[in-house]
Amino acid sequence: MRRTVGGVLRRLSSTGRIPMTFVTQEGERVTVHAAKGTTLLQVAIDNDLDVEGACEGTLACSTCHMVLESNVYQQLPKPKDEELDMLDLAVGLTDTSRLGCQIIVGEHLTNAEIKLPPETVSQL
């Protein structure tokens, strides 16, 4: 369920979930509450955000490319070579780009801002 608070679209919270905000391709800020242990890709899909995830998290595309804040990026484990290979194909790659299918929700994502790039390219 959605509601607007102070001009920001928010999802209703659930106890024990991690709050984070996605910035859509259109610049809309959507605050969600994600279950620990899920991937950012799954969180985006569960909240009807425009993220494809064409390969369903098998590291065969870059359609779940997301841009993280520097402080959040630094807290994550280093990306695997397979993820780096797919990121090389991503449109709008940044120094803090990661694939949403490879990021597991935990406390380090509390109040994080995740930007969805304006476009993706499917390599399937």
PDB file of N, CA and C in Angstrom:
ATOM      1  N   MET A   1       0.837  -1.172   0.000  1.00  0.00           N
ATOM      2  CA  MET A   1       0.000   0.000   0.000  1.00  0.00           C
ATOM      3  C   MET A   1       0.885   1.240   0.000  1.00  0.00           C
ATOM      4  N   ARG A   2       0.504   2.262  -0.761  1.00  0.00           N
ATOM      5  CA  ARG A   2       1.287   3.480  -0.873  1.00  0.00           C
ATOM      6  C   ARG A   2       0.561   4.636  -0.187  1.00  0.00           C
ATOM      7  N   ARG A   3       1.338   5.604   0.250  1.00  0.00           N
ATOM      8  CA  ARG A   3       0.787   6.872   0.710  1.00  0.00           C
ATOM      9  C   ARG A   3       1.838   7.935   0.486  1.00  0.00           C
ATOM     10  N   THR A   4       1.387   9.158   0.293  1.00  0.00           N
ATOM     11  CA  THR A   4       2.308  10.267   0.093  1.00  0.00           C
ATOM     12  C   THR A   4       2.427  11.041   1.391  1.00  0.00           C
ATOM     13  N   VAL A   5       3.666  11.258   1.829  1.00  0.00           N
ATOM     14  CA  VAL A   5       3.941  12.014   3.040  1.00  0.00           C
ATOM     15  C   VAL A   5       4.956  13.089   2.670  1.00  0.00           C
ATOM     16  N   GLY A   6       4.582  14.356   2.846  1.00  0.00           N
ATOM     17  CA  GLY A   6       5.500  15.448   2.535  1.00  0.00           C
ATOM     18  C   GLY A   6       5.995  15.427   1.106  1.00  0.00           C
ATOM     19  N   GLY A   7       5.157  15.002   0.154  1.00  0.00           N
ATOM     20  CA  GLY A   7       5.541  14.986  -1.248  1.00  0.00           C
ATOM     21  C   GLY A   7       6.386  13.790  -1.654  1.00  0.00           C
ATOM     22  N   VAL A   8       6.650  12.878  -0.720  1.00  0.00           N
ATOM     23  CA  VAL A   8       7.447  11.690  -1.021  1.00  0.00           C
ATOM     24  C   VAL A   8       6.537  10.477  -0.963  1.00  0.00           C
ATOM     25  N   LEU A   9       6.567   9.680  -2.002  1.00  0.00           N
ATOM     26  CA  LEU A   9       5.779   8.459  -2.037  1.00  0.00           C
ATOM     27  C   LEU A   9       6.384   7.453  -1.074  1.00  0.00           C
ATOM     28  N   ARG A  10       5.592   6.916  -0.166  1.00  0.00           N
ATOM     29  CA  ARG A  10       6.090   5.968   0.829  1.00  0.00           C
ATOM     30  C   ARG A  10       5.240   4.706   0.831  1.00  0.00           C
ATOM     31  N   ARG A  11       5.890   3.598   1.058  1.00  0.00           N
ATOM     32  CA  ARG A  11       5.191   2.339   1.265  1.00  0.00           C
ATOM     33  C   ARG A  11       4.961   2.216   2.765  1.00  0.00           C
ATOM     34  N   LEU A  12       3.868   1.601   3.148  1.00  0.00           N
ATOM     35  CA  LEU A  12       3.605   1.430   4.570  1.00  0.00           C
ATOM     36  C   LEU A  12       4.630   0.482   5.168  1.00  0.00           C
ATOM     37  N   SER A  13       5.118   0.815   6.353  1.00  0.00           N
ATOM     38  CA  SER A  13       6.203   0.038   6.956  1.00  0.00           C
ATOM     39  C   SER A  13       5.694  -1.241   7.585  1.00  0.00           C
ATOM     40  N   SER A  14       6.613  -2.154   7.795  1.00  0.00           N
ATOM     41  CA  SER A  14       6.357  -3.401   8.491  1.00  0.00           C
ATOM     42  C   SER A  14       7.419  -3.549   9.562  1.00  0.00           C
ATOM     43  N   THR A  15       7.035  -4.096  10.677  1.00  0.00           N
ATOM     44  CA  THR A  15       7.958  -4.272  11.784  1.00  0.00           C
ATOM     45  C   THR A  15       9.144  -5.140  11.374  1.00  0.00           C
ATOM     46  N   GLY A  16      10.354  -4.737  11.811  1.00  0.00           N
ATOM     47  CA  GLY A  16      11.545  -5.537  11.558  1.00  0.00           C
ATOM     48  C   GLY A  16      12.091  -5.439  10.151  1.00  0.00           C
ATOM     49  N   ARG A  17      11.638  -4.492   9.391  1.00  0.00           N
ATOM     50  CA  ARG A  17      12.127  -4.332   8.025  1.00  0.00           C
ATOM     51  C   ARG A  17      13.049  -3.132   7.928  1.00  0.00           C
ATOM     52  N   ILE A  18      13.853  -3.117   6.879  1.00  0.00           N
ATOM     53  CA  ILE A  18      14.862  -2.074   6.674  1.00  0.00           C
ATOM     54  C   ILE A  18      14.283  -0.991   5.756  1.00  0.00           C
ATOM     55  N   PRO A  19      14.212   0.269   6.238  1.00  0.00           N
ATOM     56  CA  PRO A  19      13.723   1.344   5.368  1.00  0.00           C
ATOM     57  C   PRO A  19      14.814   1.804   4.406  1.00  0.00           C
ATOM     58  N   MET A  20      14.427   2.049   3.169  1.00  0.00           N
ATOM     59  CA  MET A  20      15.343   2.558   2.149  1.00  0.00           C
ATOM     60  C   MET A  20      14.521   3.289   1.107  1.00  0.00           C
ATOM     61  N   THR A  21      15.172   4.141   0.347  1.00  0.00           N
ATOM     62  CA  THR A  21      14.470   4.918  -0.671  1.00  0.00           C
ATOM     63  C   THR A  21      15.081   4.650  -2.036  1.00  0.00           C
ATOM     64  N   PHE A  22      14.210   4.299  -2.980  1.00  0.00           N
ATOM     65  CA  PHE A  22      14.611   4.163  -4.373  1.00  0.00           C
ATOM     66  C   PHE A  22      14.274   5.474  -5.075  1.00  0.00           C
ATOM     67  N   VAL A  23      15.170   5.909  -5.958  1.00  0.00           N
ATOM     68  CA  VAL A  23      14.909   7.064  -6.809  1.00  0.00           C
ATOM     69  C   VAL A  23      14.694   6.503  -8.206  1.00  0.00           C
ATOM     70  N   THR A  24      13.480   6.658  -8.713  1.00  0.00           N
ATOM     71  CA  THR A  24      13.129   6.066 -10.000  1.00  0.00           C
ATOM     72  C   THR A  24      13.773   6.817 -11.157  1.00  0.00           C
ATOM     73  N   GLN A  25      13.616   6.263 -12.331  1.00  0.00           N
ATOM     74  CA  GLN A  25      14.149   6.854 -13.543  1.00  0.00           C
ATOM     75  C   GLN A  25      13.576   8.253 -13.785  1.00  0.00           C
ATOM     76  N   GLU A  26      12.381   8.505 -13.274  1.00  0.00           N
ATOM     77  CA  GLU A  26      11.726   9.809 -13.430  1.00  0.00           C
ATOM     78  C   GLU A  26      12.046  10.753 -12.275  1.00  0.00           C
ATOM     79  N   GLY A  27      12.854  10.312 -11.305  1.00  0.00           N
ATOM     80  CA  GLY A  27      13.204  11.148 -10.171  1.00  0.00           C
ATOM     81  C   GLY A  27      12.254  11.033  -8.990  1.00  0.00           C
ATOM     82  N   GLU A  28      11.267  10.164  -9.086  1.00  0.00           N
ATOM     83  CA  GLU A  28      10.326   9.945  -7.983  1.00  0.00           C
ATOM     84  C   GLU A  28      11.045   9.200  -6.859  1.00  0.00           C
ATOM     85  N   ARG A  29      10.844   9.639  -5.636  1.00  0.00           N
ATOM     86  CA  ARG A  29      11.447   9.003  -4.463  1.00  0.00           C
ATOM     87  C   ARG A  29      10.413   8.070  -3.852  1.00  0.00           C
ATOM     88  N   VAL A  30      10.739   6.777  -3.773  1.00  0.00           N
ATOM     89  CA  VAL A  30       9.833   5.777  -3.234  1.00  0.00           C
ATOM     90  C   VAL A  30      10.502   5.110  -2.043  1.00  0.00           C
ATOM     91  N   THR A  31       9.967   5.340  -0.849  1.00  0.00           N
ATOM     92  CA  THR A  31      10.510   4.727   0.357  1.00  0.00           C
ATOM     93  C   THR A  31       9.814   3.394   0.580  1.00  0.00           C
ATOM     94  N   VAL A  32      10.604   2.356   0.796  1.00  0.00           N
ATOM     95  CA  VAL A  32      10.089   1.006   1.011  1.00  0.00           C
ATOM     96  C   VAL A  32      10.679   0.454   2.306  1.00  0.00           C
ATOM     97  N   HIS A  33      10.126  -0.646   2.759  1.00  0.00           N
ATOM     98  CA  HIS A  33      10.638  -1.350   3.936  1.00  0.00           C
ATOM     99  C   HIS A  33      10.880  -2.791   3.516  1.00  0.00           C
ATOM    100  N   ALA A  34      12.141  -3.190   3.484  1.00  0.00           N
ATOM    101  CA  ALA A  34      12.537  -4.474   2.910  1.00  0.00           C
ATOM    102  C   ALA A  34      12.902  -5.489   3.981  1.00  0.00           C
ATOM    103  N   ALA A  35      12.571  -6.733   3.722  1.00  0.00           N
ATOM    104  CA  ALA A  35      12.938  -7.824   4.621  1.00  0.00           C
ATOM    105  C   ALA A  35      14.424  -8.113   4.507  1.00  0.00           C
ATOM    106  N   LYS A  36      15.072  -8.300   5.639  1.00  0.00           N
ATOM    107  CA  LYS A  36      16.481  -8.690   5.639  1.00  0.00           C
ATOM    108  C   LYS A  36      16.626 -10.012   4.900  1.00  0.00           C
ATOM    109  N   GLY A  37      17.740 -10.141   4.169  1.00  0.00           N
ATOM    110  CA  GLY A  37      18.027 -11.390   3.468  1.00  0.00           C
ATOM    111  C   GLY A  37      17.520 -11.448   2.045  1.00  0.00           C
ATOM    112  N   THR A  38      16.672 -10.484   1.632  1.00  0.00           N
ATOM    113  CA  THR A  38      16.223 -10.455   0.246  1.00  0.00           C
ATOM    114  C   THR A  38      17.229  -9.646  -0.578  1.00  0.00           C
ATOM    115  N   THR A  39      17.129  -9.708  -1.877  1.00  0.00           N
ATOM    116  CA  THR A  39      18.014  -8.914  -2.729  1.00  0.00           C
ATOM    117  C   THR A  39      17.339  -7.590  -3.066  1.00  0.00           C
ATOM    118  N   LEU A  40      18.150  -6.602  -3.435  1.00  0.00           N
ATOM    119  CA  LEU A  40      17.584  -5.329  -3.868  1.00  0.00           C
ATOM    120  C   LEU A  40      16.711  -5.513  -5.104  1.00  0.00           C
ATOM    121  N   LEU A  41      17.081  -6.443  -5.975  1.00  0.00           N
ATOM    122  CA  LEU A  41      16.251  -6.734  -7.138  1.00  0.00           C
ATOM    123  C   LEU A  41      14.860  -7.170  -6.700  1.00  0.00           C
ATOM    124  N   GLN A  42      14.787  -8.093  -5.753  1.00  0.00           N
ATOM    125  CA  GLN A  42      13.492  -8.594  -5.302  1.00  0.00           C
ATOM    126  C   GLN A  42      12.692  -7.499  -4.612  1.00  0.00           C
ATOM    127  N   VAL A  43      13.370  -6.658  -3.840  1.00  0.00           N
ATOM    128  CA  VAL A  43      12.691  -5.536  -3.179  1.00  0.00           C
ATOM    129  C   VAL A  43      12.065  -4.622  -4.228  1.00  0.00           C
ATOM    130  N   ALA A  44      12.826  -4.297  -5.278  1.00  0.00           N
ATOM    131  CA  ALA A  44      12.316  -3.436  -6.336  1.00  0.00           C
ATOM    132  C   ALA A  44      11.110  -4.071  -7.029  1.00  0.00           C
ATOM    133  N   ILE A  45      11.199  -5.341  -7.349  1.00  0.00           N
ATOM    134  CA  ILE A  45      10.094  -6.049  -8.002  1.00  0.00           C
ATOM    135  C   ILE A  45       8.871  -6.085  -7.087  1.00  0.00           C
ATOM    136  N   ASP A  46       9.078  -6.412  -5.820  1.00  0.00           N
ATOM    137  CA  ASP A  46       7.967  -6.491  -4.865  1.00  0.00           C
ATOM    138  C   ASP A  46       7.254  -5.160  -4.682  1.00  0.00           C
ATOM    139  N   ASN A  47       7.955  -4.071  -4.964  1.00  0.00           N
ATOM    140  CA  ASN A  47       7.379  -2.732  -4.790  1.00  0.00           C
ATOM    141  C   ASN A  47       7.027  -2.061  -6.112  1.00  0.00           C
ATOM    142  N   ASP A  48       6.889  -2.882  -7.158  1.00  0.00           N
ATOM    143  CA  ASP A  48       6.436  -2.416  -8.469  1.00  0.00           C
ATOM    144  C   ASP A  48       7.298  -1.306  -9.067  1.00  0.00           C
ATOM    145  N   LEU A  49       8.597  -1.375  -8.821  1.00  0.00           N
ATOM    146  CA  LEU A  49       9.517  -0.413  -9.415  1.00  0.00           C
ATOM    147  C   LEU A  49       9.970  -0.940 -10.769  1.00  0.00           C
ATOM    148  N   ASP A  50      10.347  -0.047 -11.660  1.00  0.00           N
ATOM    149  CA  ASP A  50      10.689  -0.406 -13.033  1.00  0.00           C
ATOM    150  C   ASP A  50      12.122  -0.935 -13.127  1.00  0.00           C
ATOM    151  N   VAL A  51      12.294  -2.181 -12.682  1.00  0.00           N
ATOM    152  CA  VAL A  51      13.575  -2.892 -12.774  1.00  0.00           C
ATOM    153  C   VAL A  51      13.271  -4.238 -13.410  1.00  0.00           C
ATOM    154  N   GLU A  52      14.013  -4.573 -14.456  1.00  0.00           N
ATOM    155  CA  GLU A  52      13.690  -5.774 -15.223  1.00  0.00           C
ATOM    156  C   GLU A  52      14.212  -7.061 -14.585  1.00  0.00           C
ATOM    157  N   GLY A  53      15.494  -7.166 -14.328  1.00  0.00           N
ATOM    158  CA  GLY A  53      16.045  -8.421 -13.822  1.00  0.00           C
ATOM    159  C   GLY A  53      15.823  -9.560 -14.802  1.00  0.00           C
ATOM    160  N   ALA A  54      16.167  -9.327 -16.064  1.00  0.00           N
ATOM    161  CA  ALA A  54      15.867 -10.271 -17.147  1.00  0.00           C
ATOM    162  C   ALA A  54      16.418 -11.670 -16.908  1.00  0.00           C
ATOM    163  N   CYS A  55      17.576 -11.790 -16.274  1.00  0.00           N
ATOM    164  CA  CYS A  55      18.190 -13.114 -16.086  1.00  0.00           C
ATOM    165  C   CYS A  55      17.798 -13.746 -14.753  1.00  0.00           C
ATOM    166  N   GLU A  56      16.924 -13.068 -14.018  1.00  0.00           N
ATOM    167  CA  GLU A  56      16.430 -13.570 -12.730  1.00  0.00           C
ATOM    168  C   GLU A  56      17.553 -13.793 -11.722  1.00  0.00           C
ATOM    169  N   GLY A  57      18.560 -12.935 -11.773  1.00  0.00           N
ATOM    170  CA  GLY A  57      19.620 -12.986 -10.773  1.00  0.00           C
ATOM    171  C   GLY A  57      20.717 -13.989 -11.024  1.00  0.00           C
ATOM    172  N   THR A  58      20.887 -14.427 -12.251  1.00  0.00           N
ATOM    173  CA  THR A  58      21.904 -15.437 -12.564  1.00  0.00           C
ATOM    174  C   THR A  58      23.200 -14.830 -13.097  1.00  0.00           C
ATOM    175  N   LEU A  59      23.350 -13.515 -13.000  1.00  0.00           N
ATOM    176  CA  LEU A  59      24.536 -12.801 -13.484  1.00  0.00           C
ATOM    177  C   LEU A  59      24.760 -12.979 -14.984  1.00  0.00           C
ATOM    178  N   ALA A  60      23.662 -12.928 -15.736  1.00  0.00           N
ATOM    179  CA  ALA A  60      23.765 -13.046 -17.184  1.00  0.00           C
ATOM    180  C   ALA A  60      23.310 -11.776 -17.892  1.00  0.00           C
ATOM    181  N   CYS A  61      23.029 -10.699 -17.132  1.00  0.00           N
ATOM    182  CA  CYS A  61      22.624  -9.432 -17.736  1.00  0.00           C
ATOM    183  C   CYS A  61      22.948  -8.303 -16.761  1.00  0.00           C
ATOM    184  N   SER A  62      22.611  -7.082 -17.142  1.00  0.00           N
ATOM    185  CA  SER A  62      22.823  -5.940 -16.251  1.00  0.00           C
ATOM    186  C   SER A  62      21.541  -5.141 -16.066  1.00  0.00           C
ATOM    187  N   THR A  63      20.385  -5.773 -16.281  1.00  0.00           N
ATOM    188  CA  THR A  63      19.108  -5.058 -16.236  1.00  0.00           C
ATOM    189  C   THR A  63      18.643  -4.734 -14.828  1.00  0.00           C
ATOM    190  N   CYS A  64      19.372  -5.159 -13.801  1.00  0.00           N
ATOM    191  CA  CYS A  64      19.045  -4.758 -12.416  1.00  0.00           C
ATOM    192  C   CYS A  64      20.122  -3.822 -11.878  1.00  0.00           C
ATOM    193  N   HIS A  65      20.817  -3.143 -12.777  1.00  0.00           N
ATOM    194  CA  HIS A  65      21.842  -2.159 -12.429  1.00  0.00           C
ATOM    195  C   HIS A  65      21.225  -1.075 -11.536  1.00  0.00           C
ATOM    196  N   MET A  66      21.885  -0.785 -10.420  1.00  0.00           N
ATOM    197  CA  MET A  66      21.460   0.252  -9.484  1.00  0.00           C
ATOM    198  C   MET A  66      22.689   1.034  -9.047  1.00  0.00           C
ATOM    199  N   VAL A  67      22.476   2.280  -8.667  1.00  0.00           N
ATOM    200  CA  VAL A  67      23.564   3.138  -8.219  1.00  0.00           C
ATOM    201  C   VAL A  67      23.378   3.422  -6.731  1.00  0.00           C
ATOM    202  N   LEU A  68      24.397   3.089  -5.959  1.00  0.00           N
ATOM    203  CA  LEU A  68      24.339   3.223  -4.504  1.00  0.00           C
ATOM    204  C   LEU A  68      25.084   4.464  -4.039  1.00  0.00           C
ATOM    205  N   GLU A  69      24.757   4.918  -2.849  1.00  0.00           N
ATOM    206  CA  GLU A  69      25.515   5.985  -2.220  1.00  0.00           C
ATOM    207  C   GLU A  69      26.898   5.449  -1.888  1.00  0.00           C
ATOM    208  N   SER A  70      27.899   6.295  -1.918  1.00  0.00           N
ATOM    209  CA  SER A  70      29.277   5.885  -1.691  1.00  0.00           C
ATOM    210  C   SER A  70      29.458   5.179  -0.346  1.00  0.00           C
ATOM    211  N   ASN A  71      28.861   5.722   0.717  1.00  0.00           N
ATOM    212  CA  ASN A  71      29.025   5.105   2.041  1.00  0.00           C
ATOM    213  C   ASN A  71      28.394   3.716   2.104  1.00  0.00           C
ATOM    214  N   VAL A  72      27.325   3.498   1.387  1.00  0.00           N
ATOM    215  CA  VAL A  72      26.693   2.169   1.344  1.00  0.00           C
ATOM    216  C   VAL A  72      27.549   1.227   0.507  1.00  0.00           C
ATOM    217  N   TYR A  73      28.000   1.703  -0.642  1.00  0.00           N
ATOM    218  CA  TYR A  73      28.842   0.896  -1.532  1.00  0.00           C
ATOM    219  C   TYR A  73      30.074   0.371  -0.790  1.00  0.00           C
ATOM    220  N   GLN A  74      30.694   1.231   0.002  1.00  0.00           N
ATOM    221  CA  GLN A  74      31.910   0.859   0.737  1.00  0.00           C
ATOM    222  C   GLN A  74      31.668  -0.240   1.769  1.00  0.00           C
ATOM    223  N   GLN A  75      30.447  -0.376   2.255  1.00  0.00           N
ATOM    224  CA  GLN A  75      30.129  -1.380   3.281  1.00  0.00           C
ATOM    225  C   GLN A  75      29.864  -2.767   2.698  1.00  0.00           C
ATOM    226  N   LEU A  76      29.687  -2.841   1.403  1.00  0.00           N
ATOM    227  CA  LEU A  76      29.335  -4.110   0.767  1.00  0.00           C
ATOM    228  C   LEU A  76      30.568  -4.954   0.483  1.00  0.00           C
ATOM    229  N   PRO A  77      30.372  -6.278   0.410  1.00  0.00           N
ATOM    230  CA  PRO A  77      31.480  -7.117  -0.060  1.00  0.00           C
ATOM    231  C   PRO A  77      31.833  -6.715  -1.494  1.00  0.00           C
ATOM    232  N   LYS A  78      33.082  -6.902  -1.859  1.00  0.00           N
ATOM    233  CA  LYS A  78      33.517  -6.567  -3.219  1.00  0.00           C
ATOM    234  C   LYS A  78      32.739  -7.414  -4.226  1.00  0.00           C
ATOM    235  N   PRO A  79      32.418  -6.831  -5.391  1.00  0.00           N
ATOM    236  CA  PRO A  79      31.702  -7.602  -6.402  1.00  0.00           C
ATOM    237  C   PRO A  79      32.560  -8.727  -6.973  1.00  0.00           C
ATOM    238  N   LYS A  80      31.900  -9.826  -7.322  1.00  0.00           N
ATOM    239  CA  LYS A  80      32.586 -10.945  -7.981  1.00  0.00           C
ATOM    240  C   LYS A  80      32.951 -10.530  -9.401  1.00  0.00           C
ATOM    241  N   ASP A  81      33.911 -11.245  -9.976  1.00  0.00           N
ATOM    242  CA  ASP A  81      34.323 -10.965 -11.355  1.00  0.00           C
ATOM    243  C   ASP A  81      33.141 -11.048 -12.324  1.00  0.00           C
ATOM    244  N   GLU A  82      32.233 -11.998 -12.104  1.00  0.00           N
ATOM    245  CA  GLU A  82      31.068 -12.154 -12.981  1.00  0.00           C
ATOM    246  C   GLU A  82      30.184 -10.907 -12.938  1.00  0.00           C
ATOM    247  N   GLU A  83      30.020 -10.333 -11.738  1.00  0.00           N
ATOM    248  CA  GLU A  83      29.223  -9.116 -11.627  1.00  0.00           C
ATOM    249  C   GLU A  83      29.926  -7.959 -12.327  1.00  0.00           C
ATOM    250  N   LEU A  84      31.231  -7.847 -12.150  1.00  0.00           N
ATOM    251  CA  LEU A  84      31.986  -6.782 -12.812  1.00  0.00           C
ATOM    252  C   LEU A  84      31.879  -6.891 -14.328  1.00  0.00           C
ATOM    253  N   ASP A  85      31.913  -8.128 -14.851  1.00  0.00           N
ATOM    254  CA  ASP A  85      31.769  -8.338 -16.290  1.00  0.00           C
ATOM    255  C   ASP A  85      30.427  -7.817 -16.795  1.00  0.00           C
ATOM    256  N   MET A  86      29.358  -8.086 -16.046  1.00  0.00           N
ATOM    257  CA  MET A  86      28.034  -7.623 -16.448  1.00  0.00           C
ATOM    258  C   MET A  86      27.900  -6.111 -16.270  1.00  0.00           C
ATOM    259  N   LEU A  87      28.491  -5.570 -15.225  1.00  0.00           N
ATOM    260  CA  LEU A  87      28.439  -4.118 -15.022  1.00  0.00           C
ATOM    261  C   LEU A  87      29.134  -3.366 -16.157  1.00  0.00           C
ATOM    262  N   ASP A  88      30.154  -3.976 -16.753  1.00  0.00           N
ATOM    263  CA  ASP A  88      30.840  -3.350 -17.890  1.00  0.00           C
ATOM    264  C   ASP A  88      29.874  -3.098 -19.053  1.00  0.00           C
ATOM    265  N   LEU A  89      28.778  -3.842 -19.088  1.00  0.00           N
ATOM    266  CA  LEU A  89      27.792  -3.707 -20.160  1.00  0.00           C
ATOM    267  C   LEU A  89      26.643  -2.770 -19.792  1.00  0.00           C
ATOM    268  N   ALA A  90      26.622  -2.281 -18.564  1.00  0.00           N
ATOM    269  CA  ALA A  90      25.525  -1.448 -18.079  1.00  0.00           C
ATOM    270  C   ALA A  90      25.583  -0.043 -18.664  1.00  0.00           C
ATOM    271  N   VAL A  91      24.421   0.509 -18.933  1.00  0.00           N
ATOM    272  CA  VAL A  91      24.305   1.890 -19.397  1.00  0.00           C
ATOM    273  C   VAL A  91      24.380   2.799 -18.164  1.00  0.00           C
ATOM    274  N   GLY A  92      25.149   3.867 -18.254  1.00  0.00           N
ATOM    275  CA  GLY A  92      25.215   4.824 -17.153  1.00  0.00           C
ATOM    276  C   GLY A  92      25.998   4.336 -15.956  1.00  0.00           C
ATOM    277  N   LEU A  93      26.994   3.509 -16.186  1.00  0.00           N
ATOM    278  CA  LEU A  93      27.813   2.943 -15.110  1.00  0.00           C
ATOM    279  C   LEU A  93      28.492   4.044 -14.296  1.00  0.00           C
ATOM    280  N   THR A  94      28.520   3.881 -12.971  1.00  0.00           N
ATOM    281  CA  THR A  94      29.195   4.824 -12.077  1.00  0.00           C
ATOM    282  C   THR A  94      30.177   4.059 -11.196  1.00  0.00           C
ATOM    283  N   ASP A  95      30.928   4.788 -10.403  1.00  0.00           N
ATOM    284  CA  ASP A  95      31.874   4.158  -9.475  1.00  0.00           C
ATOM    285  C   ASP A  95      31.174   3.386  -8.364  1.00  0.00           C
ATOM    286  N   THR A  96      29.881   3.661  -8.150  1.00  0.00           N
ATOM    287  CA  THR A  96      29.145   2.969  -7.083  1.00  0.00           C
ATOM    288  C   THR A  96      28.002   2.127  -7.641  1.00  0.00           C
ATOM    289  N   SER A  97      28.120   1.712  -8.891  1.00  0.00           N
ATOM    290  CA  SER A  97      27.121   0.845  -9.514  1.00  0.00           C
ATOM    291  C   SER A  97      27.281  -0.587  -9.029  1.00  0.00           C
ATOM    292  N   ARG A  98      26.160  -1.235  -8.824  1.00  0.00           N
ATOM    293  CA  ARG A  98      26.126  -2.663  -8.503  1.00  0.00           C
ATOM    294  C   ARG A  98      24.879  -3.263  -9.139  1.00  0.00           C
ATOM    295  N   LEU A  99      24.844  -4.577  -9.222  1.00  0.00           N
ATOM    296  CA  LEU A  99      23.655  -5.274  -9.693  1.00  0.00           C
ATOM    297  C   LEU A  99      22.777  -5.588  -8.483  1.00  0.00           C
ATOM    298  N   GLY A 100      21.518  -5.211  -8.582  1.00  0.00           N
ATOM    299  CA  GLY A 100      20.588  -5.401  -7.466  1.00  0.00           C
ATOM    300  C   GLY A 100      20.415  -6.851  -7.060  1.00  0.00           C
ATOM    301  N   CYS A 101      20.624  -7.768  -7.987  1.00  0.00           N
ATOM    302  CA  CYS A 101      20.479  -9.196  -7.669  1.00  0.00           C
ATOM    303  C   CYS A 101      21.599  -9.702  -6.760  1.00  0.00           C
ATOM    304  N   GLN A 102      22.663  -8.919  -6.636  1.00  0.00           N
ATOM    305  CA  GLN A 102      23.819  -9.352  -5.852  1.00  0.00           C
ATOM    306  C   GLN A 102      23.909  -8.663  -4.486  1.00  0.00           C
ATOM    307  N   ILE A 103      23.001  -7.740  -4.205  1.00  0.00           N
ATOM    308  CA  ILE A 103      23.030  -7.001  -2.945  1.00  0.00           C
ATOM    309  C   ILE A 103      21.961  -7.550  -2.018  1.00  0.00           C
ATOM    310  N   ILE A 104      22.393  -8.065  -0.886  1.00  0.00           N
ATOM    311  CA  ILE A 104      21.483  -8.641   0.113  1.00  0.00           C
ATOM    312  C   ILE A 104      21.132  -7.568   1.136  1.00  0.00           C
ATOM    313  N   VAL A 105      19.848  -7.432   1.417  1.00  0.00           N
ATOM    314  CA  VAL A 105      19.374  -6.435   2.374  1.00  0.00           C
ATOM    315  C   VAL A 105      19.821  -6.792   3.783  1.00  0.00           C
ATOM    316  N   GLY A 106      20.403  -5.806   4.433  1.00  0.00           N
ATOM    317  CA  GLY A 106      20.822  -5.916   5.829  1.00  0.00           C
ATOM    318  C   GLY A 106      20.836  -4.532   6.442  1.00  0.00           C
ATOM    319  N   GLU A 107      21.272  -4.447   7.672  1.00  0.00           N
ATOM    320  CA  GLU A 107      21.296  -3.173   8.401  1.00  0.00           C
ATOM    321  C   GLU A 107      22.081  -2.083   7.658  1.00  0.00           C
ATOM    322  N   HIS A 108      23.094  -2.480   6.892  1.00  0.00           N
ATOM    323  CA  HIS A 108      23.905  -1.501   6.161  1.00  0.00           C
ATOM    324  C   HIS A 108      23.092  -0.705   5.143  1.00  0.00           C
ATOM    325  N   LEU A 109      21.905  -1.161   4.805  1.00  0.00           N
ATOM    326  CA  LEU A 109      21.054  -0.447   3.851  1.00  0.00           C
ATOM    327  C   LEU A 109      19.998   0.424   4.534  1.00  0.00           C
ATOM    328  N   THR A 110      20.040   0.532   5.854  1.00  0.00           N
ATOM    329  CA  THR A 110      19.067   1.351   6.572  1.00  0.00           C
ATOM    330  C   THR A 110      19.137   2.791   6.082  1.00  0.00           C
ATOM    331  N   ASN A 111      18.010   3.282   5.615  1.00  0.00           N
ATOM    332  CA  ASN A 111      17.861   4.651   5.096  1.00  0.00           C
ATOM    333  C   ASN A 111      18.735   4.957   3.882  1.00  0.00           C
ATOM    334  N   ALA A 112      19.181   3.926   3.181  1.00  0.00           N
ATOM    335  CA  ALA A 112      19.992   4.122   1.976  1.00  0.00           C
ATOM    336  C   ALA A 112      19.127   4.683   0.853  1.00  0.00           C
ATOM    337  N   GLU A 113      19.796   5.377  -0.068  1.00  0.00           N
ATOM    338  CA  GLU A 113      19.149   5.853  -1.280  1.00  0.00           C
ATOM    339  C   GLU A 113      19.736   5.072  -2.447  1.00  0.00           C
ATOM    340  N   ILE A 114      18.870   4.457  -3.231  1.00  0.00           N
ATOM    341  CA  ILE A 114      19.286   3.639  -4.365  1.00  0.00           C
ATOM    342  C   ILE A 114      18.698   4.252  -5.629  1.00  0.00           C
ATOM    343  N   LYS A 115      19.544   4.617  -6.564  1.00  0.00           N
ATOM    344  CA  LYS A 115      19.071   5.225  -7.801  1.00  0.00           C
ATOM    345  C   LYS A 115      18.949   4.170  -8.891  1.00  0.00           C
ATOM    346  N   LEU A 116      17.852   4.235  -9.611  1.00  0.00           N
ATOM    347  CA  LEU A 116      17.637   3.361 -10.754  1.00  0.00           C
ATOM    348  C   LEU A 116      18.044   4.144 -12.007  1.00  0.00           C
ATOM    349  N   PRO A 117      18.971   3.616 -12.802  1.00  0.00           N
ATOM    350  CA  PRO A 117      19.426   4.357 -13.984  1.00  0.00           C
ATOM    351  C   PRO A 117      18.287   4.542 -14.995  1.00  0.00           C
ATOM    352  N   PRO A 118      18.408   5.562 -15.847  1.00  0.00           N
ATOM    353  CA  PRO A 118      17.328   5.882 -16.771  1.00  0.00           C
ATOM    354  C   PRO A 118      17.054   4.802 -17.820  1.00  0.00           C
ATOM    355  N   GLU A 119      18.019   3.953 -18.080  1.00  0.00           N
ATOM    356  CA  GLU A 119      17.808   2.887 -19.053  1.00  0.00           C
ATOM    357  C   GLU A 119      18.713   1.703 -18.758  1.00  0.00           C
ATOM    358  N   THR A 120      18.307   0.552 -19.290  1.00  0.00           N
ATOM    359  CA  THR A 120      19.133  -0.650 -19.168  1.00  0.00           C
ATOM    360  C   THR A 120      19.156  -1.324 -20.533  1.00  0.00           C
ATOM    361  N   VAL A 121      20.114  -2.217 -20.692  1.00  0.00           N
ATOM    362  CA  VAL A 121      20.246  -2.979 -21.920  1.00  0.00           C
ATOM    363  C   VAL A 121      20.285  -4.454 -21.541  1.00  0.00           C
ATOM    364  N   SER A 122      19.430  -5.252 -22.143  1.00  0.00           N
ATOM    365  CA  SER A 122      19.420  -6.684 -21.877  1.00  0.00           C
ATOM    366  C   SER A 122      20.433  -7.383 -22.773  1.00  0.00           C
ATOM    367  N   GLN A 123      21.248  -8.248 -22.159  1.00  0.00           N
ATOM    368  CA  GLN A 123      22.243  -8.988 -22.928  1.00  0.00           C
ATOM    369  C   GLN A 123      21.789 -10.425 -23.208  1.00  0.00           C
ATOM    370  N   LEU A 124      20.569 -10.746 -22.887  1.00  0.00           N
ATOM    371  CA  LEU A 124      20.085 -12.120 -23.113  1.00  0.00           C
ATOM    372  C   LEU A 124      19.774 -12.377 -24.562  1.00  0.00           C
TER     373      LEU A 124
END
